[in-house]
Amino acid sequence: MKYIIIHGDGMADWACEELGGKTPLEAAHKPNMDLLATRGTLGMVATIPKGMPSGSDVGTMTMLGYDPARYNTGRAPIEAAAQNIEMRQGDVVFRMNLVALKPDASGALVMDDFTSGHITSEEAAKIVDDIRAELGGDGIEFFSGVSYRHLMMWRGGIATTHLTPPHDNHRQAGRASSA
């Protein structure tokens, strides 16, 4: 028997008044998804085990039968493997998003867009090249990815370092300076 698993990552949303109380997915024209729904078996599963951070990396591992409590070390190592970037014992890799900042009413810089306006991969690669030239070295390496999503490798880094994803800080004042 063959299976198709459709993981609707990021498809959940809130009902919108301008869509007649429907979510964007409910209002969307999606004949192929509707056809699959009529011919398949539908169900819902809890893909995020208790105590794990909710995210597509954890959910996808669960759906594919891997125990994220055992195997998940974050999204960045998965993306590094997908790009064939060699990781050695003791290396730490971080997801590095290009973001857009702008001053708020008080002049403090806030993250205006955690996708940098869905920057093109070509434009982003030039920025990552500049970051690499300025900040690379001494065990720090930068790798271009797709659009706003990139990687920073810390060779022999501290594995207990935790950062907050940019989308969790959207429109919050930062410590950046406009100078």
N, C-alpha and C. Protein backbone atom coordinates (compact mmCIF):
# COMPACT_ATOMS: atom_id res chain seq x y z
N MET A 1 0.84 -1.17 0.00
CA MET A 1 0.00 0.00 0.00
C MET A 1 0.88 1.24 0.00
N LYS A 2 0.51 2.24 -0.75
CA LYS A 2 1.24 3.49 -0.81
C LYS A 2 0.49 4.55 -0.01
N TYR A 3 1.26 5.41 0.62
CA TYR A 3 0.68 6.46 1.45
C TYR A 3 1.18 7.82 0.98
N ILE A 4 0.35 8.79 1.11
CA ILE A 4 0.74 10.18 0.94
C ILE A 4 0.39 10.87 2.25
N ILE A 5 1.38 11.49 2.84
CA ILE A 5 1.15 12.24 4.06
C ILE A 5 1.25 13.72 3.69
N ILE A 6 0.21 14.44 3.94
CA ILE A 6 0.22 15.88 3.70
C ILE A 6 0.31 16.56 5.05
N HIS A 7 1.41 17.21 5.24
CA HIS A 7 1.66 17.90 6.51
C HIS A 7 1.36 19.37 6.28
N GLY A 8 0.23 19.82 6.74
CA GLY A 8 -0.20 21.20 6.53
C GLY A 8 0.49 22.17 7.47
N ASP A 9 1.80 22.13 7.48
CA ASP A 9 2.58 22.98 8.38
C ASP A 9 2.31 24.45 8.09
N GLY A 10 1.89 25.17 9.09
CA GLY A 10 1.62 26.60 8.95
C GLY A 10 0.26 26.92 8.36
N MET A 11 -0.57 25.92 8.14
CA MET A 11 -1.87 26.16 7.52
C MET A 11 -2.94 26.58 8.52
N ALA A 12 -2.69 26.37 9.77
CA ALA A 12 -3.69 26.79 10.77
C ALA A 12 -3.73 28.31 10.80
N ASP A 13 -4.87 28.83 11.02
CA ASP A 13 -5.00 30.29 11.03
C ASP A 13 -6.28 30.64 11.77
N TRP A 14 -6.49 31.93 11.91
CA TRP A 14 -7.69 32.43 12.56
C TRP A 14 -8.73 32.79 11.52
N ALA A 15 -9.98 32.67 11.89
CA ALA A 15 -11.06 33.12 11.02
C ALA A 15 -10.95 34.63 10.83
N CYS A 16 -11.23 35.07 9.62
CA CYS A 16 -11.12 36.50 9.28
C CYS A 16 -12.50 37.05 8.97
N GLU A 17 -12.78 38.21 9.52
CA GLU A 17 -14.06 38.88 9.26
C GLU A 17 -14.23 39.15 7.77
N GLU A 18 -13.13 39.59 7.11
CA GLU A 18 -13.21 39.92 5.69
C GLU A 18 -13.40 38.69 4.79
N LEU A 19 -13.24 37.49 5.36
CA LEU A 19 -13.48 36.25 4.61
C LEU A 19 -14.79 35.59 5.06
N GLY A 20 -15.67 36.38 5.62
CA GLY A 20 -16.96 35.85 6.04
C GLY A 20 -16.86 34.90 7.21
N GLY A 21 -15.88 35.12 8.09
CA GLY A 21 -15.72 34.26 9.26
C GLY A 21 -14.97 32.98 8.98
N LYS A 22 -14.42 32.84 7.78
CA LYS A 22 -13.64 31.65 7.42
C LYS A 22 -12.16 31.91 7.63
N THR A 23 -11.40 30.82 7.77
CA THR A 23 -9.95 30.94 7.78
C THR A 23 -9.49 31.08 6.33
N PRO A 24 -8.27 31.58 6.09
CA PRO A 24 -7.78 31.65 4.71
C PRO A 24 -7.81 30.30 4.00
N LEU A 25 -7.54 29.23 4.71
CA LEU A 25 -7.57 27.90 4.09
C LEU A 25 -9.00 27.52 3.71
N GLU A 26 -9.95 27.81 4.58
CA GLU A 26 -11.35 27.51 4.26
C GLU A 26 -11.83 28.29 3.05
N ALA A 27 -11.37 29.53 2.92
CA ALA A 27 -11.81 30.40 1.83
C ALA A 27 -11.06 30.14 0.52
N ALA A 28 -9.90 29.49 0.59
CA ALA A 28 -9.07 29.29 -0.60
C ALA A 28 -9.70 28.32 -1.59
N HIS A 29 -9.42 28.55 -2.85
CA HIS A 29 -9.82 27.62 -3.91
C HIS A 29 -8.73 26.54 -3.97
N LYS A 30 -9.06 25.31 -3.62
CA LYS A 30 -8.08 24.23 -3.51
C LYS A 30 -8.68 22.91 -4.01
N PRO A 31 -9.03 22.84 -5.30
CA PRO A 31 -9.72 21.65 -5.80
C PRO A 31 -8.92 20.35 -5.64
N ASN A 32 -7.63 20.41 -5.77
CA ASN A 32 -6.84 19.18 -5.64
C ASN A 32 -6.83 18.66 -4.21
N MET A 33 -6.69 19.59 -3.25
CA MET A 33 -6.76 19.15 -1.85
C MET A 33 -8.16 18.62 -1.53
N ASP A 34 -9.17 19.27 -2.06
CA ASP A 34 -10.54 18.81 -1.82
C ASP A 34 -10.75 17.42 -2.40
N LEU A 35 -10.21 17.16 -3.59
CA LEU A 35 -10.33 15.84 -4.21
C LEU A 35 -9.63 14.78 -3.38
N LEU A 36 -8.42 15.07 -2.93
CA LEU A 36 -7.71 14.12 -2.07
C LEU A 36 -8.50 13.82 -0.80
N ALA A 37 -9.12 14.86 -0.25
CA ALA A 37 -9.89 14.68 0.98
C ALA A 37 -11.08 13.75 0.77
N THR A 38 -11.68 13.79 -0.42
CA THR A 38 -12.85 12.93 -0.66
C THR A 38 -12.45 11.48 -0.92
N ARG A 39 -11.22 11.23 -1.31
CA ARG A 39 -10.79 9.88 -1.69
C ARG A 39 -9.85 9.24 -0.68
N GLY A 40 -9.46 9.96 0.33
CA GLY A 40 -8.50 9.42 1.29
C GLY A 40 -9.09 9.24 2.66
N THR A 41 -8.24 8.91 3.58
CA THR A 41 -8.63 8.81 4.98
C THR A 41 -8.06 10.02 5.69
N LEU A 42 -8.92 10.73 6.34
CA LEU A 42 -8.50 11.95 7.02
C LEU A 42 -8.42 11.72 8.51
N GLY A 43 -7.56 12.45 9.12
CA GLY A 43 -7.46 12.36 10.56
C GLY A 43 -6.60 13.48 11.10
N MET A 44 -6.62 13.62 12.38
CA MET A 44 -5.77 14.60 13.04
C MET A 44 -4.92 13.85 14.04
N VAL A 45 -3.69 14.28 14.16
CA VAL A 45 -2.78 13.68 15.13
C VAL A 45 -2.09 14.79 15.91
N ALA A 46 -1.71 14.47 17.11
CA ALA A 46 -0.91 15.40 17.91
C ALA A 46 0.54 15.11 17.58
N THR A 47 1.16 16.00 16.85
CA THR A 47 2.53 15.76 16.40
C THR A 47 3.59 16.37 17.30
N ILE A 48 3.16 17.13 18.29
CA ILE A 48 4.12 17.77 19.20
C ILE A 48 3.99 17.09 20.57
N PRO A 49 4.98 16.26 20.93
CA PRO A 49 4.92 15.62 22.25
C PRO A 49 4.99 16.64 23.38
N LYS A 50 4.39 16.29 24.50
CA LYS A 50 4.42 17.18 25.67
C LYS A 50 5.86 17.53 26.02
N GLY A 51 6.07 18.82 26.30
CA GLY A 51 7.39 19.28 26.68
C GLY A 51 8.30 19.66 25.53
N MET A 52 7.87 19.40 24.30
CA MET A 52 8.70 19.73 23.13
C MET A 52 8.22 21.07 22.55
N PRO A 53 9.13 21.83 21.95
CA PRO A 53 8.71 23.08 21.33
C PRO A 53 7.88 22.81 20.09
N SER A 54 6.82 23.58 19.89
CA SER A 54 6.01 23.37 18.70
C SER A 54 6.74 23.97 17.51
N GLY A 55 6.92 23.17 16.51
CA GLY A 55 7.61 23.61 15.30
C GLY A 55 7.55 22.52 14.25
N SER A 56 7.80 22.91 13.02
CA SER A 56 7.71 21.93 11.94
C SER A 56 8.77 20.85 12.05
N ASP A 57 9.93 21.16 12.63
CA ASP A 57 10.96 20.13 12.76
C ASP A 57 10.49 19.02 13.69
N VAL A 58 9.92 19.38 14.83
CA VAL A 58 9.41 18.38 15.78
C VAL A 58 8.22 17.64 15.18
N GLY A 59 7.27 18.37 14.59
CA GLY A 59 6.08 17.74 14.01
C GLY A 59 6.41 16.79 12.88
N THR A 60 7.33 17.18 12.01
CA THR A 60 7.69 16.31 10.88
C THR A 60 8.40 15.06 11.37
N MET A 61 9.30 15.19 12.33
CA MET A 61 9.96 14.00 12.87
C MET A 61 8.94 13.02 13.44
N THR A 62 7.97 13.56 14.18
CA THR A 62 6.94 12.70 14.77
C THR A 62 6.15 11.99 13.68
N MET A 63 5.75 12.74 12.65
CA MET A 63 4.96 12.15 11.56
C MET A 63 5.72 11.06 10.83
N LEU A 64 7.04 11.17 10.76
CA LEU A 64 7.84 10.18 10.05
C LEU A 64 8.32 9.05 10.95
N GLY A 65 7.87 9.06 12.20
CA GLY A 65 8.16 7.95 13.09
C GLY A 65 9.43 8.09 13.92
N TYR A 66 10.03 9.26 13.91
CA TYR A 66 11.22 9.49 14.74
C TYR A 66 10.80 10.11 16.06
N ASP A 67 11.48 9.76 17.11
CA ASP A 67 11.20 10.33 18.43
C ASP A 67 11.96 11.64 18.55
N PRO A 68 11.26 12.79 18.47
CA PRO A 68 11.98 14.06 18.53
C PRO A 68 12.69 14.29 19.85
N ALA A 69 12.21 13.67 20.93
CA ALA A 69 12.90 13.82 22.22
C ALA A 69 14.29 13.21 22.14
N ARG A 70 14.46 12.24 21.27
CA ARG A 70 15.76 11.58 21.12
C ARG A 70 16.59 12.20 19.99
N TYR A 71 15.95 12.55 18.89
CA TYR A 71 16.70 12.94 17.69
C TYR A 71 16.70 14.43 17.36
N ASN A 72 15.75 15.18 17.86
CA ASN A 72 15.67 16.58 17.46
C ASN A 72 16.69 17.44 18.18
N THR A 73 17.49 18.14 17.42
CA THR A 73 18.42 19.12 17.98
C THR A 73 18.17 20.49 17.36
N GLY A 74 17.01 20.64 16.72
CA GLY A 74 16.65 21.91 16.11
C GLY A 74 16.57 21.81 14.60
N ARG A 75 16.07 22.85 14.02
CA ARG A 75 15.86 22.91 12.58
C ARG A 75 17.18 23.06 11.82
N ALA A 76 18.12 23.80 12.37
CA ALA A 76 19.36 24.10 11.65
C ALA A 76 20.16 22.85 11.26
N PRO A 77 20.35 21.86 12.13
CA PRO A 77 21.09 20.68 11.70
C PRO A 77 20.40 19.91 10.56
N ILE A 78 19.08 19.94 10.55
CA ILE A 78 18.33 19.29 9.46
C ILE A 78 18.61 20.04 8.16
N GLU A 79 18.57 21.36 8.23
CA GLU A 79 18.82 22.16 7.03
C GLU A 79 20.28 22.02 6.58
N ALA A 80 21.22 21.92 7.52
CA ALA A 80 22.62 21.72 7.15
C ALA A 80 22.79 20.38 6.42
N ALA A 81 22.14 19.35 6.92
CA ALA A 81 22.22 18.04 6.26
C ALA A 81 21.62 18.12 4.86
N ALA A 82 20.51 18.84 4.71
CA ALA A 82 19.87 18.98 3.40
C ALA A 82 20.77 19.71 2.41
N GLN A 83 21.65 20.58 2.91
CA GLN A 83 22.58 21.32 2.05
C GLN A 83 23.93 20.62 1.92
N ASN A 84 24.04 19.40 2.48
CA ASN A 84 25.29 18.64 2.46
C ASN A 84 26.45 19.39 3.12
N ILE A 85 26.13 20.13 4.18
CA ILE A 85 27.16 20.82 4.95
C ILE A 85 27.66 19.85 6.02
N GLU A 86 28.96 19.61 6.01
CA GLU A 86 29.54 18.65 6.95
C GLU A 86 29.55 19.21 8.36
N MET A 87 28.98 18.45 9.28
CA MET A 87 29.04 18.79 10.70
C MET A 87 29.88 17.73 11.38
N ARG A 88 30.79 18.20 12.24
CA ARG A 88 31.63 17.28 13.01
C ARG A 88 31.18 17.30 14.46
N GLN A 89 31.61 16.30 15.19
CA GLN A 89 31.32 16.25 16.62
C GLN A 89 31.75 17.57 17.26
N GLY A 90 30.87 18.18 18.02
CA GLY A 90 31.18 19.43 18.70
C GLY A 90 30.79 20.69 17.93
N ASP A 91 30.35 20.53 16.68
CA ASP A 91 29.90 21.69 15.91
C ASP A 91 28.47 22.03 16.29
N VAL A 92 28.16 23.32 16.28
CA VAL A 92 26.82 23.80 16.56
C VAL A 92 26.39 24.66 15.37
N VAL A 93 25.20 24.39 14.86
CA VAL A 93 24.71 25.17 13.72
C VAL A 93 23.43 25.88 14.12
N PHE A 94 23.31 27.12 13.67
CA PHE A 94 22.15 27.94 13.99
C PHE A 94 21.46 28.35 12.70
N ARG A 95 20.16 28.44 12.75
CA ARG A 95 19.38 29.03 11.67
C ARG A 95 19.61 30.54 11.75
N MET A 96 19.90 31.17 10.64
CA MET A 96 20.17 32.60 10.60
C MET A 96 19.21 33.24 9.60
N ASN A 97 18.27 33.99 10.10
CA ASN A 97 17.30 34.65 9.23
C ASN A 97 17.74 36.09 8.97
N LEU A 98 17.58 36.53 7.74
CA LEU A 98 17.74 37.94 7.43
C LEU A 98 16.40 38.60 7.73
N VAL A 99 16.42 39.68 8.48
CA VAL A 99 15.20 40.36 8.91
C VAL A 99 15.26 41.83 8.49
N ALA A 100 14.12 42.50 8.53
CA ALA A 100 14.06 43.93 8.24
C ALA A 100 13.72 44.67 9.53
N LEU A 101 14.50 45.70 9.83
CA LEU A 101 14.28 46.53 11.01
C LEU A 101 13.82 47.92 10.58
N LYS A 102 13.06 48.56 11.46
CA LYS A 102 12.72 49.97 11.22
C LYS A 102 12.48 50.62 12.57
N PRO A 103 12.66 51.93 12.65
CA PRO A 103 12.44 52.61 13.93
C PRO A 103 10.94 52.72 14.24
N ASP A 104 10.61 52.54 15.52
CA ASP A 104 9.23 52.76 15.94
C ASP A 104 9.07 54.24 16.30
N ALA A 105 7.94 54.59 16.89
CA ALA A 105 7.64 55.99 17.21
C ALA A 105 8.67 56.60 18.16
N SER A 106 9.28 55.78 19.01
CA SER A 106 10.27 56.30 19.97
C SER A 106 11.68 56.33 19.38
N GLY A 107 11.83 55.78 18.18
CA GLY A 107 13.15 55.73 17.55
C GLY A 107 13.88 54.42 17.77
N ALA A 108 13.33 53.54 18.62
CA ALA A 108 13.95 52.23 18.85
C ALA A 108 13.73 51.36 17.62
N LEU A 109 14.74 50.60 17.26
CA LEU A 109 14.59 49.71 16.11
C LEU A 109 13.77 48.49 16.51
N VAL A 110 12.80 48.18 15.68
CA VAL A 110 11.99 46.98 15.89
C VAL A 110 12.04 46.15 14.61
N MET A 111 11.84 44.86 14.79
CA MET A 111 11.80 43.99 13.64
C MET A 111 10.48 44.20 12.91
N ASP A 112 10.57 44.72 11.72
CA ASP A 112 9.39 45.00 10.92
C ASP A 112 8.94 43.77 10.15
N ASP A 113 9.90 42.93 9.75
CA ASP A 113 9.56 41.76 8.94
C ASP A 113 10.61 40.68 9.18
N PHE A 114 10.19 39.54 9.71
CA PHE A 114 11.14 38.47 10.01
C PHE A 114 11.54 37.66 8.77
N THR A 115 11.03 38.05 7.60
CA THR A 115 11.42 37.40 6.35
C THR A 115 12.22 38.33 5.44
N SER A 116 12.52 39.52 5.94
CA SER A 116 13.21 40.54 5.14
C SER A 116 12.49 40.78 3.82
N GLY A 117 11.15 40.81 3.92
CA GLY A 117 10.34 41.07 2.73
C GLY A 117 10.40 39.94 1.71
N HIS A 118 10.63 38.72 2.20
CA HIS A 118 10.82 37.55 1.31
C HIS A 118 11.87 37.87 0.26
N ILE A 119 13.01 38.30 0.74
CA ILE A 119 14.15 38.67 -0.08
C ILE A 119 14.47 37.53 -1.07
N THR A 120 14.97 37.89 -2.24
CA THR A 120 15.34 36.85 -3.21
C THR A 120 16.59 36.13 -2.73
N SER A 121 16.74 34.90 -3.14
CA SER A 121 17.93 34.13 -2.77
C SER A 121 19.20 34.78 -3.29
N GLU A 122 19.14 35.37 -4.47
CA GLU A 122 20.32 36.00 -5.06
C GLU A 122 20.76 37.21 -4.24
N GLU A 123 19.80 38.07 -3.88
CA GLU A 123 20.12 39.25 -3.08
C GLU A 123 20.62 38.83 -1.69
N ALA A 124 19.96 37.83 -1.11
CA ALA A 124 20.35 37.36 0.21
C ALA A 124 21.76 36.78 0.20
N ALA A 125 22.13 36.05 -0.86
CA ALA A 125 23.47 35.46 -0.95
C ALA A 125 24.54 36.54 -0.89
N LYS A 126 24.29 37.70 -1.51
CA LYS A 126 25.25 38.80 -1.46
C LYS A 126 25.41 39.32 -0.03
N ILE A 127 24.29 39.41 0.69
CA ILE A 127 24.35 39.87 2.08
C ILE A 127 25.09 38.85 2.94
N VAL A 128 24.81 37.57 2.74
CA VAL A 128 25.50 36.53 3.52
C VAL A 128 26.99 36.54 3.18
N ASP A 129 27.35 36.81 1.93
CA ASP A 129 28.76 36.94 1.56
C ASP A 129 29.41 38.07 2.35
N ASP A 130 28.71 39.21 2.48
CA ASP A 130 29.24 40.33 3.24
C ASP A 130 29.37 39.98 4.73
N ILE A 131 28.37 39.29 5.26
CA ILE A 131 28.43 38.86 6.67
C ILE A 131 29.61 37.92 6.86
N ARG A 132 29.80 36.99 5.94
CA ARG A 132 30.91 36.04 6.00
C ARG A 132 32.24 36.80 6.01
N ALA A 133 32.38 37.80 5.14
CA ALA A 133 33.63 38.56 5.06
C ALA A 133 33.90 39.33 6.35
N GLU A 134 32.86 39.88 6.96
CA GLU A 134 33.03 40.69 8.17
C GLU A 134 33.12 39.88 9.46
N LEU A 135 32.35 38.80 9.56
CA LEU A 135 32.23 38.09 10.83
C LEU A 135 32.75 36.66 10.82
N GLY A 136 33.04 36.13 9.64
CA GLY A 136 33.51 34.75 9.54
C GLY A 136 34.93 34.60 10.06
N GLY A 137 35.28 33.37 10.40
CA GLY A 137 36.62 33.07 10.89
C GLY A 137 36.58 32.63 12.33
N ASP A 138 37.70 32.12 12.82
CA ASP A 138 37.81 31.64 14.21
C ASP A 138 36.70 30.65 14.54
N GLY A 139 36.42 29.75 13.60
CA GLY A 139 35.43 28.71 13.84
C GLY A 139 34.01 29.10 13.49
N ILE A 140 33.79 30.30 13.00
CA ILE A 140 32.45 30.73 12.61
C ILE A 140 32.36 30.74 11.08
N GLU A 141 31.37 30.01 10.56
CA GLU A 141 31.16 29.94 9.12
C GLU A 141 29.71 30.28 8.80
N PHE A 142 29.49 30.90 7.65
CA PHE A 142 28.15 31.28 7.21
C PHE A 142 27.84 30.59 5.89
N PHE A 143 26.62 30.11 5.74
CA PHE A 143 26.19 29.39 4.54
C PHE A 143 24.90 30.00 4.02
N SER A 144 24.90 30.32 2.74
CA SER A 144 23.69 30.85 2.11
C SER A 144 22.65 29.76 1.98
N GLY A 145 21.41 30.16 2.12
CA GLY A 145 20.30 29.24 1.96
C GLY A 145 19.33 29.76 0.91
N VAL A 146 18.06 29.75 1.26
CA VAL A 146 17.01 30.18 0.35
C VAL A 146 16.28 31.37 0.96
N SER A 147 16.09 32.41 0.16
CA SER A 147 15.39 33.61 0.58
C SER A 147 16.00 34.15 1.87
N TYR A 148 15.25 34.26 2.94
CA TYR A 148 15.74 34.84 4.18
C TYR A 148 16.38 33.81 5.11
N ARG A 149 16.37 32.53 4.76
CA ARG A 149 16.81 31.46 5.66
C ARG A 149 18.24 31.02 5.34
N HIS A 150 19.14 31.14 6.34
CA HIS A 150 20.55 30.81 6.14
C HIS A 150 21.07 30.11 7.39
N LEU A 151 22.35 29.74 7.36
CA LEU A 151 22.93 29.01 8.48
C LEU A 151 24.23 29.64 8.93
N MET A 152 24.48 29.56 10.23
CA MET A 152 25.77 29.93 10.82
C MET A 152 26.28 28.71 11.57
N MET A 153 27.49 28.27 11.24
CA MET A 153 28.11 27.13 11.91
C MET A 153 29.15 27.64 12.88
N TRP A 154 29.10 27.12 14.09
CA TRP A 154 30.09 27.44 15.12
C TRP A 154 30.86 26.16 15.38
N ARG A 155 32.02 26.05 14.77
CA ARG A 155 32.84 24.85 14.92
C ARG A 155 33.36 24.80 16.35
N GLY A 156 33.05 23.69 17.04
CA GLY A 156 33.46 23.54 18.43
C GLY A 156 32.72 24.48 19.37
N GLY A 157 31.49 24.82 19.01
CA GLY A 157 30.70 25.78 19.79
C GLY A 157 30.13 25.20 21.07
N ILE A 158 29.37 26.02 21.74
CA ILE A 158 28.73 25.62 23.00
C ILE A 158 27.31 25.16 22.68
N ALA A 159 27.06 23.87 22.82
CA ALA A 159 25.80 23.27 22.39
C ALA A 159 24.61 23.68 23.24
N THR A 160 24.83 24.25 24.40
CA THR A 160 23.70 24.64 25.25
C THR A 160 23.22 26.06 24.96
N THR A 161 23.80 26.69 23.95
CA THR A 161 23.38 28.03 23.57
C THR A 161 21.99 27.97 22.96
N HIS A 162 21.08 28.79 23.46
CA HIS A 162 19.72 28.83 22.92
C HIS A 162 19.38 30.25 22.50
N LEU A 163 18.77 30.37 21.35
CA LEU A 163 18.36 31.66 20.82
C LEU A 163 16.86 31.65 20.58
N THR A 164 16.29 32.83 20.41
CA THR A 164 14.86 32.95 20.15
C THR A 164 14.64 33.15 18.66
N PRO A 165 13.74 32.39 18.04
CA PRO A 165 13.47 32.58 16.62
C PRO A 165 12.95 33.99 16.34
N PRO A 166 13.37 34.58 15.21
CA PRO A 166 12.95 35.95 14.90
C PRO A 166 11.43 36.14 14.89
N HIS A 167 10.68 35.14 14.40
CA HIS A 167 9.23 35.33 14.35
C HIS A 167 8.61 35.44 15.74
N ASP A 168 9.34 35.02 16.78
CA ASP A 168 8.85 35.18 18.15
C ASP A 168 9.10 36.59 18.69
N ASN A 169 9.88 37.39 17.98
CA ASN A 169 10.20 38.76 18.41
C ASN A 169 9.64 39.82 17.48
N HIS A 170 8.75 39.42 16.62
CA HIS A 170 8.23 40.33 15.61
C HIS A 170 7.64 41.59 16.25
N ARG A 171 8.08 42.73 15.77
CA ARG A 171 7.62 44.05 16.20
C ARG A 171 7.94 44.38 17.66
N GLN A 172 8.96 43.74 18.22
CA GLN A 172 9.41 44.09 19.56
C GLN A 172 10.67 44.92 19.45
N ALA A 173 10.84 45.86 20.36
CA ALA A 173 12.03 46.69 20.36
C ALA A 173 13.26 45.83 20.59
N GLY A 174 14.29 46.12 19.85
CA GLY A 174 15.55 45.38 19.99
C GLY A 174 16.63 46.26 20.56
N ARG A 175 17.83 45.72 20.60
CA ARG A 175 18.96 46.48 21.10
C ARG A 175 19.80 47.05 19.98
N ALA A 176 19.31 46.91 18.76
CA ALA A 176 20.07 47.42 17.61
C ALA A 176 20.10 48.93 17.65
N SER A 177 21.12 49.49 17.05
CA SER A 177 21.26 50.94 17.00
C SER A 177 21.18 51.38 15.56
N SER A 178 20.62 52.53 15.32
CA SER A 178 20.53 53.04 13.97
C SER A 178 21.80 53.78 13.59
N ALA A 179 22.75 53.90 14.50
CA ALA A 179 24.01 54.61 14.21
C ALA A 179 24.93 53.78 13.35
